[in-house]
C-alpha cells in the first residue's frame, strides 16, 4: 500500500504540473490512433478554455494495472480558445477521458483517498477510483489510424470562503488548511493527498487573512487552519468554531456549485506551548535510525500531531494547547547501515550489527501540558529477534 501511495504522489506531482512531458505535442503515428473532442462548462455552456484533458486506460478486472496510481494520466492535452483538444499517438485500447479546470470538480479534491488506501490491491483501488469519479468520465475506444471523439462537460465545484485571524484582530497570513468531508457512513475523510510530506491542499490565506477553497463536490465539511510549521502532520490545527479539537469542529454544508461565504477561524496567541525531547535506545543511549512520535489526546486518543525524529533522535512540537496528552513513540528501528556496534563505538554488542535491522517496542508517556516541556526523554526497549533455528 505504501508503494501505491508513493506512486500516486508522483503522479499527482505530474498532474499538478499539467501532465509533465505528456503534454508535449505528439506526432501522428500510423500504428496508433488519436483522441479528439471538445470540453464545455456545464454552468455556462461555453467552451472550457485551457482546461487540462487526461487520458487514462480502462482497468481490466482480471489484470493488475501497469500503473497502480488511480486515474493516472497516460497522456494529456490542454484545450484551446474553442475548448477543443487532440491527443495523437494513442495505443489501441479502451480509455477514459476527463478534464480539470480551476473552479470545477477535480478528482484530487473529490476522490476519497482514505477509502482507496483501505483496499487490498492496486486493481481494486483503480476500479474504486473509476467508480467514485464515473460521472465525470467519458469512455472511448481507440483504433489504429482512427480518431476517437469525446465531448466532456465540466461541472462547477463548490467553494468555501472565509477569513482566518489572530485573537488580537490581525490577519493570519500564509496559513495552510485541512479539510475533511463527511462520508456516506457518517465518518470523515481527508480532502486531497499530501505530496512528499507536504500539504494536502495548496490553498493559503492571503495578505488579508482571506482564503478560498474550491473545486469541491457538494457535501458537509470540517475546516481547520494549520499554522505553517514543517509539515501537515506536525502542524497545530484551529478549526471552525475556534476549537483545537477536530472532533469538536463546527461543520459547513455546500451544495453543487454553491459558495459558502463568511467562514471565520480565530487563532489564539496564548496558552500554546512547546514540547521537545529525544528518543533513544535504553541499552546504550544511541538514537534509533528512525521513529515516529505521536501526540494523542488523553481522553479518547485522538491524534493531535505526529512527527518523525531527527538523526540525533530529537523531536519537537510547537504551539501545543494546554491539555492532557499521551506521547507515543512507534515504528522505531535501526537499519543495517546505521547502528552497528562498530560504527557507534559500542563494544557491548547492543547496537544493531551489520546486515540486521533492530526494532524497538512502542512506548507511551502521559503528559500534562501547562507550560513548555523541553526535556522529554523516551527510552525504548529492543524487541528480541527470533532465535535462529538450530
Protein backbone atom coordinates (compact mmCIF):
# COMPACT_ATOMS: atom_id res chain seq x y z
CA UNK A 1 0.00 0.00 0.00
CA UNK A 2 2.86 2.38 0.76
CA UNK A 3 4.29 1.75 -2.71
CA UNK A 4 0.92 2.52 -4.29
CA UNK A 5 0.64 5.75 -2.32
CA UNK A 6 4.16 6.84 -3.32
CA UNK A 7 3.44 6.21 -6.99
CA UNK A 8 0.15 8.11 -6.75
CA UNK A 9 2.01 11.05 -5.17
CA UNK A 10 4.49 11.08 -8.07
CA UNK A 11 1.58 11.03 -10.49
CA UNK A 12 -0.07 13.88 -8.59
CA UNK A 13 3.07 15.98 -8.99
CA UNK A 14 2.89 15.41 -12.75
CA UNK A 15 -0.81 16.24 -12.75
CA UNK A 16 -0.23 19.50 -10.91
CA UNK A 17 2.48 20.30 -13.46
CA UNK A 18 -0.13 19.79 -16.21
CA UNK A 19 0.95 16.31 -17.11
CA UNK A 20 4.74 16.69 -17.12
CA UNK A 21 6.20 15.75 -20.51
CA UNK A 22 2.93 14.07 -21.58
CA UNK A 23 1.57 17.48 -22.65
CA UNK A 24 4.27 17.77 -25.32
CA UNK A 25 2.70 17.77 -28.75
CA UNK A 26 2.70 14.26 -30.18
CA UNK A 27 3.18 13.48 -33.81
CA UNK A 28 0.68 11.21 -35.60
CA UNK A 29 1.70 7.55 -35.57
CA UNK A 30 0.42 5.19 -38.29
CA UNK A 31 0.48 2.28 -35.83
CA UNK A 32 -1.72 4.09 -33.32
CA UNK A 33 -4.85 6.23 -33.11
CA UNK A 34 -5.90 9.63 -31.78
CA UNK A 35 -8.45 11.09 -29.36
CA UNK A 36 -10.06 14.46 -30.04
CA UNK A 37 -13.03 16.40 -28.76
CA UNK A 38 -14.41 19.46 -27.01
CA UNK A 39 -14.76 20.39 -23.36
CA UNK A 40 -17.67 22.59 -22.22
CA UNK A 41 -18.51 24.28 -18.93
CA UNK A 42 -21.91 22.91 -17.88
CA UNK A 43 -22.89 26.06 -15.97
CA UNK A 44 -22.27 28.49 -18.84
CA UNK A 45 -22.48 26.28 -21.92
CA UNK A 46 -19.27 27.95 -23.10
CA UNK A 47 -16.04 26.20 -24.12
CA UNK A 48 -13.71 25.26 -21.27
CA UNK A 49 -10.63 27.19 -22.33
CA UNK A 50 -7.17 25.99 -21.27
CA UNK A 51 -8.59 23.00 -19.41
CA UNK A 52 -6.32 20.02 -18.87
CA UNK A 53 -7.61 16.85 -20.55
CA UNK A 54 -6.36 13.48 -19.30
CA UNK A 55 -6.50 10.03 -20.87
CA UNK A 56 -6.39 7.02 -18.55
CA UNK A 57 -6.71 3.32 -19.55
CA UNK A 58 -9.85 1.44 -18.55
CA UNK A 59 -8.63 -1.08 -15.94
CA UNK A 60 -9.26 -4.74 -16.67
CA UNK A 61 -10.82 -6.69 -13.83
CA UNK A 62 -8.60 -9.72 -14.47
CA UNK A 63 -5.28 -7.84 -14.78
CA UNK A 64 -3.38 -5.69 -12.34
CA UNK A 65 -2.83 -2.19 -13.80
CA UNK A 66 0.58 -1.36 -15.27
CA UNK A 67 0.49 1.91 -13.31
CA UNK A 68 -1.06 1.43 -9.86
CA UNK A 69 -1.93 5.09 -9.22
CA UNK A 70 -5.67 5.69 -9.77
CA UNK A 71 -6.73 7.73 -12.81
CA UNK A 72 -3.10 8.06 -13.88
CA UNK A 73 -2.56 10.25 -16.95
CA UNK A 74 -1.47 8.08 -19.88
CA UNK A 75 -1.47 11.27 -21.94
CA UNK A 76 -2.69 14.84 -21.50
CA UNK A 77 -3.59 17.86 -23.60
CA UNK A 78 -4.68 21.45 -22.99
CA UNK A 79 -7.76 22.86 -24.73
CA UNK A 80 -7.61 25.96 -26.90
CA UNK A 81 -9.85 29.01 -27.08
CA UNK A 82 -12.61 26.90 -28.65
CA UNK A 83 -12.37 24.24 -25.94
CA UNK A 84 -11.08 21.65 -28.39
CA UNK A 85 -8.25 19.19 -27.82
CA UNK A 86 -6.46 16.42 -29.72
CA UNK A 87 -4.12 13.71 -28.45
CA UNK A 88 -2.08 11.86 -31.08
CA UNK A 89 -0.20 8.56 -30.97
CA UNK A 90 -2.51 6.74 -28.58
CA UNK A 91 -2.11 2.96 -28.44
CA UNK A 92 -5.25 1.00 -29.38
CA UNK A 93 -7.49 0.14 -26.44
CA UNK A 94 -10.22 1.34 -24.09
CA UNK A 95 -9.73 4.64 -22.29
CA UNK A 96 -11.49 7.12 -20.04
CA UNK A 97 -11.19 10.82 -20.79
CA UNK A 98 -11.72 13.52 -18.18
CA UNK A 99 -10.75 17.16 -17.71
CA UNK A 100 -9.92 19.63 -14.94
CA UNK A 101 -10.11 23.41 -14.74
CA UNK A 102 -9.86 25.71 -11.75
CA UNK A 103 -13.31 26.31 -10.28
CA UNK A 104 -14.68 22.96 -11.45
CA UNK A 105 -14.78 19.49 -9.92
CA UNK A 106 -11.33 17.98 -9.50
CA UNK A 107 -10.57 14.32 -8.63
CA UNK A 108 -7.75 15.49 -6.36
CA UNK A 109 -10.42 17.01 -4.09
CA UNK A 110 -13.35 14.74 -4.88
CA UNK A 111 -11.96 11.22 -4.53
CA UNK A 112 -11.96 9.57 -1.11
CA UNK A 113 -8.28 8.61 -0.83
CA UNK A 114 -8.78 7.13 2.64
CA UNK A 115 -11.24 4.69 1.06
CA UNK A 116 -8.71 3.79 -1.63
CA UNK A 117 -5.92 3.25 0.90
CA UNK A 118 -8.12 0.81 2.81
CA UNK A 119 -8.38 -1.54 -0.21
CA UNK A 120 -6.12 -4.55 -0.58
CA UNK A 121 -4.60 -4.21 -4.03
CA UNK A 122 -3.93 -1.88 -6.96
CA UNK A 123 -6.64 -3.48 -9.10
CA UNK A 124 -9.34 -2.76 -6.51
CA UNK A 125 -8.03 0.76 -5.99
CA UNK A 126 -8.11 1.52 -9.72
CA UNK A 127 -11.66 0.18 -10.02
CA UNK A 128 -12.82 2.13 -6.97
CA UNK A 129 -11.33 5.39 -8.24
CA UNK A 130 -13.23 4.88 -11.50
CA UNK A 131 -16.42 4.16 -9.56
CA UNK A 132 -16.04 7.32 -7.48
CA UNK A 133 -15.40 9.54 -10.49
CA UNK A 134 -17.52 7.79 -13.16
CA UNK A 135 -19.94 10.72 -13.61
CA UNK A 136 -17.04 12.87 -14.83
CA UNK A 137 -15.57 10.29 -17.24
CA UNK A 138 -16.20 9.63 -20.93
CA UNK A 139 -15.17 6.27 -22.37
CA UNK A 140 -13.56 5.98 -25.81
CA UNK A 141 -12.28 3.10 -27.95
CA UNK A 142 -9.03 3.87 -29.76
CA UNK A 143 -8.28 2.09 -33.04
CA UNK A 144 -5.33 2.20 -35.39
CA UNK A 145 -5.47 5.17 -37.82
CA UNK A 146 -8.78 6.35 -36.38
CA UNK A 147 -9.78 9.44 -34.43
CA UNK A 148 -11.99 8.71 -31.42
CA UNK A 149 -14.19 11.62 -30.39
CA UNK A 150 -15.27 12.64 -26.91
CA UNK A 151 -17.36 15.53 -25.60
CA UNK A 152 -16.78 16.46 -21.98
CA UNK A 153 -18.67 18.69 -19.57
CA UNK A 154 -17.11 20.28 -16.53
CA UNK A 155 -19.36 20.89 -13.53
CA UNK A 156 -18.82 23.87 -11.26
CA UNK A 157 -17.34 22.85 -7.92
CA UNK A 158 -18.50 24.02 -4.52
CA UNK A 159 -16.39 26.57 -2.66
CA UNK A 160 -15.72 27.58 0.94
CA UNK A 161 -14.58 31.18 1.52
CA UNK A 162 -13.66 32.94 4.72
CA UNK A 163 -11.02 34.61 6.85
CA UNK A 164 -8.52 33.48 9.44
CA UNK A 165 -7.14 35.89 12.04
CA UNK A 166 -5.33 36.01 15.39
CA UNK A 167 -7.28 36.82 18.51
CA UNK A 168 -5.74 40.32 18.63
CA UNK A 169 -7.56 41.12 15.39
CA UNK A 170 -4.60 40.93 12.99
CA UNK A 171 -4.92 38.80 9.83
CA UNK A 172 -3.31 35.35 9.88
CA UNK A 173 -1.23 35.41 6.70
CA UNK A 174 0.14 32.30 5.00
CA UNK A 175 -1.91 29.76 6.94
CA UNK A 176 -2.46 26.35 5.37
CA UNK A 177 -5.75 24.46 5.59
CA UNK A 178 -7.04 20.97 6.24
CA UNK A 179 -10.45 19.88 5.02
CA UNK A 180 -12.47 16.76 5.86
CA UNK A 181 -15.67 15.65 4.10
CA UNK A 182 -18.44 13.61 5.69
CA UNK A 183 -18.82 10.18 4.11
CA UNK A 184 -21.96 8.18 3.45
CA UNK A 185 -21.14 6.06 6.52
CA UNK A 186 -21.07 9.16 8.76
CA UNK A 187 -17.30 9.07 9.01
CA UNK A 188 -14.89 11.75 7.82
CA UNK A 189 -12.31 11.55 5.04
CA UNK A 190 -9.48 13.95 4.31
CA UNK A 191 -9.73 16.06 1.16
CA UNK A 192 -6.69 15.88 -1.11
CA UNK A 193 -3.46 13.97 -0.60
CA UNK A 194 -0.19 15.32 0.72
CA UNK A 195 2.80 15.33 -1.62
CA UNK A 196 6.20 14.32 -0.20
CA UNK A 197 5.13 15.09 3.37
CA UNK A 198 3.76 18.49 2.37
CA UNK A 199 0.21 19.84 2.42
CA UNK A 200 -2.89 18.09 1.08
CA UNK A 201 -4.37 21.43 -0.04
CA UNK A 202 -2.34 24.12 -1.79
CA UNK A 203 -4.62 26.89 -0.51
CA UNK A 204 -3.07 29.53 1.78
CA UNK A 205 -4.56 32.63 3.40
CA UNK A 206 -3.65 35.87 1.63
CA UNK A 207 -2.27 39.14 2.98
CA UNK A 208 -5.67 39.97 4.46
CA UNK A 209 -6.16 36.52 6.02
CA UNK A 210 -8.76 35.60 3.41
CA UNK A 211 -8.98 32.15 1.84
CA UNK A 212 -11.00 30.33 -0.79
CA UNK A 213 -11.06 26.54 -1.21
CA UNK A 214 -12.80 25.43 -4.39
CA UNK A 215 -13.16 22.55 -6.88
CA UNK A 216 -15.11 20.61 -4.22
CA UNK A 217 -18.01 18.17 -4.57
CA UNK A 218 -21.15 19.04 -2.60
CA UNK A 219 -21.21 17.85 0.99
CA UNK A 220 -20.64 18.60 4.65
CA UNK A 221 -17.13 19.68 5.65
CA UNK A 222 -14.93 20.32 8.65
CA UNK A 223 -12.33 23.04 8.06
CA UNK A 224 -9.18 23.73 10.08
CA UNK A 225 -6.43 26.32 9.68
CA UNK A 226 -2.90 24.95 10.08
CA UNK A 227 -0.01 27.01 11.33
CA UNK A 228 2.79 26.88 8.72
CA UNK A 229 5.30 24.66 10.50
CA UNK A 230 7.38 21.95 8.83
CA UNK A 231 4.59 19.60 7.69
CA UNK A 232 0.85 18.97 7.83
CA UNK A 233 1.21 16.09 10.31
CA UNK A 234 3.13 18.28 12.75
CA UNK A 235 1.04 21.42 12.30
CA UNK A 236 -1.36 22.62 15.03
CA UNK A 237 -4.95 22.89 13.80
CA UNK A 238 -7.51 25.52 14.78
CA UNK A 239 -10.90 24.53 13.40
CA UNK A 240 -14.23 26.18 12.63
CA UNK A 241 -15.88 27.01 15.92
CA UNK A 242 -12.43 28.13 17.16
CA UNK A 243 -11.62 24.77 18.69
CA UNK A 244 -8.29 22.95 18.68
CA UNK A 245 -10.04 19.58 18.63
CA UNK A 246 -11.07 18.40 15.17
CA UNK A 247 -13.84 16.27 16.63
CA UNK A 248 -15.44 19.42 18.10
CA UNK A 249 -15.18 21.47 14.90
CA UNK A 250 -18.26 23.19 13.51
CA UNK A 251 -19.30 22.00 10.05
CA UNK A 252 -20.29 23.78 6.87
CA UNK A 253 -22.55 22.40 4.13
CA UNK A 254 -22.27 23.36 0.46
CA UNK A 255 -24.43 22.33 -2.47
CA UNK A 256 -23.22 21.69 -6.01
CA UNK A 257 -21.74 24.88 -7.45
CA UNK A 258 -22.51 26.83 -4.27
CA UNK A 259 -20.11 29.12 -2.37
CA UNK A 260 -20.22 29.14 1.43
CA UNK A 261 -19.03 32.61 2.47
CA UNK A 262 -18.06 34.24 5.72
CA UNK A 263 -16.48 31.26 7.50
CA UNK A 264 -14.16 32.54 10.25
CA UNK A 265 -11.35 30.94 12.23
CA UNK A 266 -9.61 32.75 15.09
CA UNK A 267 -6.16 31.57 16.26
CA UNK A 268 -5.27 32.08 19.95
CA UNK A 269 -1.98 33.76 20.81
CA UNK A 270 -1.75 32.49 24.39
CA UNK A 271 -1.93 29.10 26.07
CA UNK A 272 0.25 27.41 23.42
CA UNK A 273 3.47 25.66 24.43
CA UNK A 274 6.48 23.78 23.06
CA UNK A 275 7.17 20.09 23.63
CA UNK A 276 10.62 18.75 22.83
CA UNK A 277 12.78 15.78 23.71
CA UNK A 278 14.80 12.84 22.47
CA UNK A 279 14.18 9.18 21.68
CA UNK A 280 16.98 6.75 22.49
CA UNK A 281 17.73 3.08 22.98
CA UNK A 282 17.51 2.03 26.61
CA UNK A 283 20.54 -0.25 26.22
CA UNK A 284 23.18 2.32 25.28
CA UNK A 285 21.50 5.68 24.65
CA UNK A 286 22.05 5.84 20.88
CA UNK A 287 19.32 7.34 18.70
CA UNK A 288 17.39 4.84 16.55
CA UNK A 289 17.67 5.36 12.82
CA UNK A 290 14.03 6.34 12.71
CA UNK A 291 10.99 6.64 14.95
CA UNK A 292 7.57 8.31 14.81
CA UNK A 293 6.34 10.42 17.71
CA UNK A 294 2.57 10.83 18.12
CA UNK A 295 0.82 13.30 20.39
CA UNK A 296 -2.58 11.90 21.39
CA UNK A 297 -5.34 13.48 23.46
CA UNK A 298 -5.57 11.51 26.69
CA UNK A 299 -9.36 11.32 26.89
CA UNK A 300 -10.04 9.49 23.62
CA UNK A 301 -6.60 9.01 21.98
CA UNK A 302 -7.49 11.29 19.07
CA UNK A 303 -4.24 12.13 17.29
CA UNK A 304 -3.35 15.78 17.68
CA UNK A 305 0.02 15.75 15.91
CA UNK A 306 2.81 13.47 14.77
CA UNK A 307 6.39 13.89 13.59
CA UNK A 308 9.48 11.86 12.75
CA UNK A 309 12.59 12.03 14.91
CA UNK A 310 15.68 13.76 13.56
CA UNK A 311 19.01 12.00 13.05
CA UNK A 312 20.05 12.64 16.66
CA UNK A 313 16.75 11.26 17.95
CA UNK A 314 15.33 14.66 18.84
CA UNK A 315 11.75 15.77 18.19
CA UNK A 316 9.60 18.82 18.91
CA UNK A 317 6.04 20.09 18.66
CA UNK A 318 5.29 23.81 18.58
CA UNK A 319 2.11 25.61 19.67
CA UNK A 320 0.64 22.78 21.76
CA UNK A 321 -2.55 23.74 23.62
CA UNK A 322 -2.87 23.15 27.35
CA UNK A 323 -4.42 19.73 27.90
CA UNK A 324 -3.73 16.15 28.95
CA UNK A 325 -1.90 14.09 26.32
CA UNK A 326 -0.22 10.77 25.67
CA UNK A 327 3.17 10.92 23.97
CA UNK A 328 3.52 7.74 21.93
CA UNK A 329 6.68 6.57 20.14
CA UNK A 330 6.27 3.86 17.50
CA UNK A 331 7.96 2.29 14.47
CA UNK A 332 11.43 2.78 15.93
CA UNK A 333 14.27 0.81 14.37
CA UNK A 334 17.94 0.79 13.40
CA UNK A 335 18.69 -0.11 9.82
CA UNK A 336 21.56 -2.33 8.75
CA UNK A 337 23.86 0.57 7.81
CA UNK A 338 23.42 2.70 10.92
CA UNK A 339 23.55 1.44 14.48
CA UNK A 340 26.22 -1.23 14.06
CA UNK A 341 28.33 -1.83 17.15
CA UNK A 342 31.49 -0.79 15.33
CA UNK A 343 30.05 2.46 13.96
CA UNK A 344 28.59 3.54 17.30
CA UNK A 345 31.71 2.72 19.30
CA UNK A 346 29.65 0.28 21.36
CA UNK A 347 31.51 -2.82 22.48
CA UNK A 348 28.60 -4.45 24.27
CA UNK A 349 27.02 -5.72 21.11
CA UNK A 350 23.78 -3.96 21.99
CA UNK A 351 23.57 -1.91 18.78
CA UNK A 352 22.35 -3.49 15.56
CA UNK A 353 25.03 -5.46 13.77
CA UNK A 354 25.74 -5.02 10.10
CA UNK A 355 23.18 -6.70 7.89
CA UNK A 356 20.45 -6.74 10.54
CA UNK A 357 17.56 -4.47 11.50
CA UNK A 358 16.92 -3.84 15.17
CA UNK A 359 13.37 -2.89 16.17
CA UNK A 360 12.12 -1.31 19.37
CA UNK A 361 8.90 -1.70 21.31
CA UNK A 362 6.43 1.18 21.23
CA UNK A 363 6.20 3.30 24.37
CA UNK A 364 3.71 5.76 25.81
CA UNK A 365 4.21 8.56 28.33
CA UNK A 366 1.37 10.61 29.89
CA UNK A 367 1.82 14.39 29.73
CA UNK A 368 0.03 17.27 31.38
CA UNK A 369 0.85 20.36 29.32
CA UNK A 370 0.57 23.63 31.25
CA UNK A 371 3.89 25.15 30.18
CA UNK A 372 6.80 24.42 27.84
CA UNK A 373 8.31 20.94 28.31
CA UNK A 374 11.66 20.61 26.58
CA UNK A 375 13.40 17.73 28.35
CA UNK A 376 11.26 14.71 27.47
CA UNK A 377 13.40 11.59 27.31
CA UNK A 378 11.96 8.38 25.86
CA UNK A 379 13.96 5.17 26.39
CA UNK A 380 12.97 2.30 24.13
CA UNK A 381 13.48 -1.38 24.80
CA UNK A 382 14.70 -3.59 21.97
CA UNK A 383 12.35 -6.24 20.63
CA UNK A 384 14.30 -9.53 20.88
CA UNK A 385 14.98 -11.06 17.49
CA UNK A 386 13.69 -14.56 16.86
CA UNK A 387 16.22 -17.17 17.77
CA UNK A 388 17.71 -18.80 14.70
CA UNK A 389 16.71 -22.43 14.19
CA UNK A 390 19.28 -24.98 15.31
